[in-house]
Amino acid sequence: TFDGGITAIVGPNGCGKSNVADAIRWV
């Protein structure tokens, strides 16, 4: 969910953060 303001996704390397951006680009 993207609420008002800035939404940040944090986590260690390999947890899938970049996959979220890939999903947006893909759709």
PDB file of all heavy atoms in Angstrom:
ATOM      1  N   THR A   1       0.841  -1.193   0.000  1.00  0.00           N
ATOM      2  CA  THR A   1       0.000   0.000   0.000  1.00  0.00           C
ATOM      3  C   THR A   1       0.877   1.243   0.000  1.00  0.00           C
ATOM      4  O   THR A   1       1.835   1.354   0.786  1.00  0.00           O
ATOM      5  CB  THR A   1      -0.913   0.013   1.237  1.00  0.00           C
ATOM      6  OG1 THR A   1      -1.725  -1.165   1.237  1.00  0.00           O
ATOM      7  CG2 THR A   1      -1.817   1.240   1.217  1.00  0.00           C
ATOM      8  N   PHE A   2       0.538   2.165  -0.871  1.00  0.00           N
ATOM      9  CA  PHE A   2       1.257   3.439  -0.954  1.00  0.00           C
ATOM     10  C   PHE A   2       0.385   4.527  -0.323  1.00  0.00           C
ATOM     11  O   PHE A   2      -0.583   4.990  -0.915  1.00  0.00           O
ATOM     12  CB  PHE A   2       1.560   3.796  -2.410  1.00  0.00           C
ATOM     13  CG  PHE A   2       2.387   2.759  -3.127  1.00  0.00           C
ATOM     14  CD1 PHE A   2       1.783   1.788  -3.906  1.00  0.00           C
ATOM     15  CD2 PHE A   2       3.770   2.750  -2.996  1.00  0.00           C
ATOM     16  CE1 PHE A   2       2.542   0.833  -4.567  1.00  0.00           C
ATOM     17  CE2 PHE A   2       4.535   1.803  -3.645  1.00  0.00           C
ATOM     18  CZ  PHE A   2       3.921   0.834  -4.431  1.00  0.00           C
ATOM     19  N   ASP A   3       0.729   4.901   0.901  1.00  0.00           N
ATOM     20  CA  ASP A   3      -0.004   5.968   1.577  1.00  0.00           C
ATOM     21  C   ASP A   3       0.546   7.321   1.147  1.00  0.00           C
ATOM     22  O   ASP A   3       1.448   7.409   0.314  1.00  0.00           O
ATOM     23  CB  ASP A   3       0.116   5.798   3.090  1.00  0.00           C
ATOM     24  CG  ASP A   3      -0.557   4.505   3.556  1.00  0.00           C
ATOM     25  OD1 ASP A   3      -1.613   4.174   2.988  1.00  0.00           O
ATOM     26  OD2 ASP A   3      -0.004   3.839   4.449  1.00  0.00           O
ATOM     27  N   GLY A   4      -0.007   8.398   1.722  1.00  0.00           N
ATOM     28  CA  GLY A   4       0.480   9.724   1.379  1.00  0.00           C
ATOM     29  C   GLY A   4       1.941   9.913   1.762  1.00  0.00           C
ATOM     30  O   GLY A   4       2.456   9.290   2.699  1.00  0.00           O
ATOM     31  N   GLY A   5       2.651  10.745   1.022  1.00  0.00           N
ATOM     32  CA  GLY A   5       4.059  10.973   1.290  1.00  0.00           C
ATOM     33  C   GLY A   5       4.938   9.965   0.592  1.00  0.00           C
ATOM     34  O   GLY A   5       4.636   9.512  -0.508  1.00  0.00           O
ATOM     35  N   ILE A   6       6.012   9.583   1.260  1.00  0.00           N
ATOM     36  CA  ILE A   6       7.007   8.668   0.673  1.00  0.00           C
ATOM     37  C   ILE A   6       6.850   7.288   1.287  1.00  0.00           C
ATOM     38  O   ILE A   6       6.757   7.143   2.512  1.00  0.00           O
ATOM     39  CB  ILE A   6       8.436   9.184   0.905  1.00  0.00           C
ATOM     40  CG1 ILE A   6       8.615  10.544   0.210  1.00  0.00           C
ATOM     41  CG2 ILE A   6       9.462   8.182   0.388  1.00  0.00           C
ATOM     42  CD1 ILE A   6       9.961  11.183   0.487  1.00  0.00           C
ATOM     43  N   THR A   7       6.807   6.269   0.430  1.00  0.00           N
ATOM     44  CA  THR A   7       6.761   4.881   0.885  1.00  0.00           C
ATOM     45  C   THR A   7       8.120   4.253   0.626  1.00  0.00           C
ATOM     46  O   THR A   7       8.620   4.279  -0.503  1.00  0.00           O
ATOM     47  CB  THR A   7       5.681   4.081   0.140  1.00  0.00           C
ATOM     48  OG1 THR A   7       4.400   4.684   0.385  1.00  0.00           O
ATOM     49  CG2 THR A   7       5.649   2.647   0.617  1.00  0.00           C
ATOM     50  N   ALA A   8       8.734   3.706   1.665  1.00  0.00           N
ATOM     51  CA  ALA A   8      10.059   3.090   1.549  1.00  0.00           C
ATOM     52  C   ALA A   8       9.959   1.601   1.837  1.00  0.00           C
ATOM     53  O   ALA A   8       9.208   1.180   2.719  1.00  0.00           O
ATOM     54  CB  ALA A   8      11.036   3.742   2.513  1.00  0.00           C
ATOM     55  N   ILE A   9      10.675   0.822   1.073  1.00  0.00           N
ATOM     56  CA  ILE A   9      10.764  -0.614   1.285  1.00  0.00           C
ATOM     57  C   ILE A   9      12.208  -0.926   1.668  1.00  0.00           C
ATOM     58  O   ILE A   9      13.127  -0.699   0.881  1.00  0.00           O
ATOM     59  CB  ILE A   9      10.364  -1.400   0.028  1.00  0.00           C
ATOM     60  CG1 ILE A   9       8.926  -1.058  -0.375  1.00  0.00           C
ATOM     61  CG2 ILE A   9      10.493  -2.902   0.261  1.00  0.00           C
ATOM     62  CD1 ILE A   9       8.481  -1.691  -1.663  1.00  0.00           C
ATOM     63  N   VAL A  10      12.415  -1.410   2.865  1.00  0.00           N
ATOM     64  CA  VAL A  10      13.766  -1.657   3.367  1.00  0.00           C
ATOM     65  C   VAL A  10      13.930  -3.139   3.668  1.00  0.00           C
ATOM     66  O   VAL A  10      12.958  -3.848   3.935  1.00  0.00           O
ATOM     67  CB  VAL A  10      14.062  -0.818   4.632  1.00  0.00           C
ATOM     68  CG1 VAL A  10      14.025   0.666   4.318  1.00  0.00           C
ATOM     69  CG2 VAL A  10      13.078  -1.144   5.747  1.00  0.00           C
ATOM     70  N   GLY A  11      15.155  -3.596   3.634  1.00  0.00           N
ATOM     71  CA  GLY A  11      15.432  -4.988   3.933  1.00  0.00           C
ATOM     72  C   GLY A  11      16.823  -5.356   3.476  1.00  0.00           C
ATOM     73  O   GLY A  11      17.477  -4.601   2.743  1.00  0.00           O
ATOM     74  N   PRO A  12      17.320  -6.518   3.867  1.00  0.00           N
ATOM     75  CA  PRO A  12      18.671  -6.943   3.494  1.00  0.00           C
ATOM     76  C   PRO A  12      18.752  -7.288   2.011  1.00  0.00           C
ATOM     77  O   PRO A  12      17.734  -7.432   1.327  1.00  0.00           O
ATOM     78  CB  PRO A  12      18.897  -8.180   4.371  1.00  0.00           C
ATOM     79  CG  PRO A  12      17.523  -8.736   4.601  1.00  0.00           C
ATOM     80  CD  PRO A  12      16.627  -7.528   4.697  1.00  0.00           C
ATOM     81  N   ASN A  13      19.970  -7.423   1.538  1.00  0.00           N
ATOM     82  CA  ASN A  13      20.179  -7.805   0.149  1.00  0.00           C
ATOM     83  C   ASN A  13      19.547  -9.172  -0.130  1.00  0.00           C
ATOM     84  O   ASN A  13      19.660 -10.103   0.669  1.00  0.00           O
ATOM     85  CB  ASN A  13      21.675  -7.877  -0.172  1.00  0.00           C
ATOM     86  CG  ASN A  13      22.314  -6.499  -0.166  1.00  0.00           C
ATOM     87  OD1 ASN A  13      21.635  -5.489  -0.352  1.00  0.00           O
ATOM     88  ND2 ASN A  13      23.620  -6.449   0.053  1.00  0.00           N
ATOM     89  N   GLY A  14      18.877  -9.261  -1.260  1.00  0.00           N
ATOM     90  CA  GLY A  14      18.280 -10.530  -1.670  1.00  0.00           C
ATOM     91  C   GLY A  14      16.883 -10.778  -1.143  1.00  0.00           C
ATOM     92  O   GLY A  14      16.323 -11.856  -1.366  1.00  0.00           O
ATOM     93  N   CYS A  15      16.297  -9.807  -0.453  1.00  0.00           N
ATOM     94  CA  CYS A  15      14.967 -10.028   0.113  1.00  0.00           C
ATOM     95  C   CYS A  15      13.855  -9.727  -0.899  1.00  0.00           C
ATOM     96  O   CYS A  15      12.683  -9.997  -0.632  1.00  0.00           O
ATOM     97  CB  CYS A  15      14.768  -9.200   1.373  1.00  0.00           C
ATOM     98  SG  CYS A  15      14.650  -7.419   1.084  1.00  0.00           S
ATOM     99  N   GLY A  16      14.214  -9.134  -2.037  1.00  0.00           N
ATOM    100  CA  GLY A  16      13.204  -8.916  -3.068  1.00  0.00           C
ATOM    101  C   GLY A  16      12.760  -7.480  -3.237  1.00  0.00           C
ATOM    102  O   GLY A  16      11.736  -7.217  -3.875  1.00  0.00           O
ATOM    103  N   LYS A  17      13.532  -6.529  -2.710  1.00  0.00           N
ATOM    104  CA  LYS A  17      13.147  -5.112  -2.854  1.00  0.00           C
ATOM    105  C   LYS A  17      13.083  -4.705  -4.317  1.00  0.00           C
ATOM    106  O   LYS A  17      12.122  -4.049  -4.752  1.00  0.00           O
ATOM    107  CB  LYS A  17      14.154  -4.210  -2.111  1.00  0.00           C
ATOM    108  CG  LYS A  17      14.271  -4.469  -0.622  1.00  0.00           C
ATOM    109  CD  LYS A  17      15.141  -3.441   0.060  1.00  0.00           C
ATOM    110  CE  LYS A  17      16.579  -3.418  -0.472  1.00  0.00           C
ATOM    111  NZ  LYS A  17      17.283  -4.681  -0.218  1.00  0.00           N
ATOM    112  N   SER A  18      14.093  -5.092  -5.083  1.00  0.00           N
ATOM    113  CA  SER A  18      14.117  -4.713  -6.498  1.00  0.00           C
ATOM    114  C   SER A  18      13.012  -5.399  -7.287  1.00  0.00           C
ATOM    115  O   SER A  18      12.570  -4.885  -8.325  1.00  0.00           O
ATOM    116  CB  SER A  18      15.485  -5.063  -7.118  1.00  0.00           C
ATOM    117  OG  SER A  18      16.527  -4.327  -6.496  1.00  0.00           O
ATOM    118  N   ASN A  19      12.539  -6.536  -6.779  1.00  0.00           N
ATOM    119  CA  ASN A  19      11.452  -7.235  -7.475  1.00  0.00           C
ATOM    120  C   ASN A  19      10.154  -6.432  -7.455  1.00  0.00           C
ATOM    121  O   ASN A  19       9.314  -6.563  -8.347  1.00  0.00           O
ATOM    122  CB  ASN A  19      11.218  -8.610  -6.848  1.00  0.00           C
ATOM    123  CG  ASN A  19      12.367  -9.569  -7.111  1.00  0.00           C
ATOM    124  OD1 ASN A  19      13.181  -9.344  -8.011  1.00  0.00           O
ATOM    125  ND2 ASN A  19      12.456 -10.630  -6.328  1.00  0.00           N
ATOM    126  N   VAL A  20       9.994  -5.594  -6.418  1.00  0.00           N
ATOM    127  CA  VAL A  20       8.812  -4.742  -6.353  1.00  0.00           C
ATOM    128  C   VAL A  20       8.846  -3.723  -7.491  1.00  0.00           C
ATOM    129  O   VAL A  20       7.852  -3.505  -8.191  1.00  0.00           O
ATOM    130  CB  VAL A  20       8.715  -4.043  -4.986  1.00  0.00           C
ATOM    131  CG1 VAL A  20       7.534  -3.066  -4.967  1.00  0.00           C
ATOM    132  CG2 VAL A  20       8.571  -5.065  -3.871  1.00  0.00           C
ATOM    133  N   ALA A  21      10.021  -3.102  -7.682  1.00  0.00           N
ATOM    134  CA  ALA A  21      10.171  -2.145  -8.785  1.00  0.00           C
ATOM    135  C   ALA A  21      10.010  -2.851 -10.136  1.00  0.00           C
ATOM    136  O   ALA A  21       9.399  -2.300 -11.058  1.00  0.00           O
ATOM    137  CB  ALA A  21      11.529  -1.455  -8.701  1.00  0.00           C
ATOM    138  N   ASP A  22      10.545  -4.080 -10.229  1.00  0.00           N
ATOM    139  CA  ASP A  22      10.385  -4.841 -11.475  1.00  0.00           C
ATOM    140  C   ASP A  22       8.914  -5.143 -11.747  1.00  0.00           C
ATOM    141  O   ASP A  22       8.468  -5.121 -12.903  1.00  0.00           O
ATOM    142  CB  ASP A  22      11.160  -6.153 -11.391  1.00  0.00           C
ATOM    143  CG  ASP A  22      12.671  -5.948 -11.445  1.00  0.00           C
ATOM    144  OD1 ASP A  22      13.093  -4.856 -11.861  1.00  0.00           O
ATOM    145  OD2 ASP A  22      13.411  -6.877 -11.072  1.00  0.00           O
ATOM    146  N   ALA A  23       8.154  -5.419 -10.687  1.00  0.00           N
ATOM    147  CA  ALA A  23       6.737  -5.718 -10.852  1.00  0.00           C
ATOM    148  C   ALA A  23       5.981  -4.511 -11.408  1.00  0.00           C
ATOM    149  O   ALA A  23       5.120  -4.648 -12.282  1.00  0.00           O
ATOM    150  CB  ALA A  23       6.127  -6.155  -9.518  1.00  0.00           C
ATOM    151  N   ILE A  24       6.336  -3.317 -10.902  1.00  0.00           N
ATOM    152  CA  ILE A  24       5.690  -2.097 -11.396  1.00  0.00           C
ATOM    153  C   ILE A  24       6.040  -1.886 -12.869  1.00  0.00           C
ATOM    154  O   ILE A  24       5.172  -1.599 -13.698  1.00  0.00           O
ATOM    155  CB  ILE A  24       6.114  -0.880 -10.556  1.00  0.00           C
ATOM    156  CG1 ILE A  24       5.598  -1.033  -9.118  1.00  0.00           C
ATOM    157  CG2 ILE A  24       5.599   0.416 -11.168  1.00  0.00           C
ATOM    158  CD1 ILE A  24       6.053   0.049  -8.176  1.00  0.00           C
ATOM    159  N   ARG A  25       7.302  -2.039 -13.186  1.00  0.00           N
ATOM    160  CA  ARG A  25       7.730  -1.870 -14.581  1.00  0.00           C
ATOM    161  C   ARG A  25       7.057  -2.914 -15.483  1.00  0.00           C
ATOM    162  O   ARG A  25       6.643  -2.603 -16.601  1.00  0.00           O
ATOM    163  CB  ARG A  25       9.259  -2.003 -14.654  1.00  0.00           C
ATOM    164  CG  ARG A  25       9.831  -1.799 -16.051  1.00  0.00           C
ATOM    165  CD  ARG A  25      11.348  -1.977 -16.030  1.00  0.00           C
ATOM    166  NE  ARG A  25      11.988  -0.823 -15.464  1.00  0.00           N
ATOM    167  CZ  ARG A  25      12.336   0.252 -16.177  1.00  0.00           C
ATOM    168  NH1 ARG A  25      12.064   0.301 -17.462  1.00  0.00           N
ATOM    169  NH2 ARG A  25      12.935   1.268 -15.611  1.00  0.00           N
ATOM    170  N   TRP A  26       6.920  -4.134 -14.983  1.00  0.00           N
ATOM    171  CA  TRP A  26       6.345  -5.227 -15.775  1.00  0.00           C
ATOM    172  C   TRP A  26       4.873  -4.986 -16.058  1.00  0.00           C
ATOM    173  O   TRP A  26       4.411  -5.139 -17.185  1.00  0.00           O
ATOM    174  CB  TRP A  26       6.541  -6.552 -15.033  1.00  0.00           C
ATOM    175  CG  TRP A  26       6.110  -7.766 -15.799  1.00  0.00           C
ATOM    176  CD1 TRP A  26       6.709  -8.323 -16.888  1.00  0.00           C
ATOM    177  CD2 TRP A  26       4.956  -8.574 -15.520  1.00  0.00           C
ATOM    178  NE1 TRP A  26       6.015  -9.433 -17.298  1.00  0.00           N
ATOM    179  CE2 TRP A  26       4.945  -9.611 -16.487  1.00  0.00           C
ATOM    180  CE3 TRP A  26       3.960  -8.529 -14.555  1.00  0.00           C
ATOM    181  CZ2 TRP A  26       3.950 -10.594 -16.505  1.00  0.00           C
ATOM    182  CZ3 TRP A  26       2.971  -9.505 -14.573  1.00  0.00           C
ATOM    183  CH2 TRP A  26       2.965 -10.524 -15.548  1.00  0.00           C
ATOM    184  N   VAL A  27       4.097  -4.613 -15.035  1.00  0.00           N
ATOM    185  CA  VAL A  27       2.663  -4.418 -15.214  1.00  0.00           C
ATOM    186  C   VAL A  27       2.369  -3.219 -16.107  1.00  0.00           C
ATOM    187  O   VAL A  27       1.303  -3.150 -16.733  1.00  0.00           O
ATOM    188  CB  VAL A  27       1.953  -4.263 -13.851  1.00  0.00           C
ATOM    189  CG1 VAL A  27       2.222  -2.894 -13.250  1.00  0.00           C
ATOM    190  CG2 VAL A  27       0.447  -4.490 -13.989  1.00  0.00           C
TER     191      VAL A  27
END
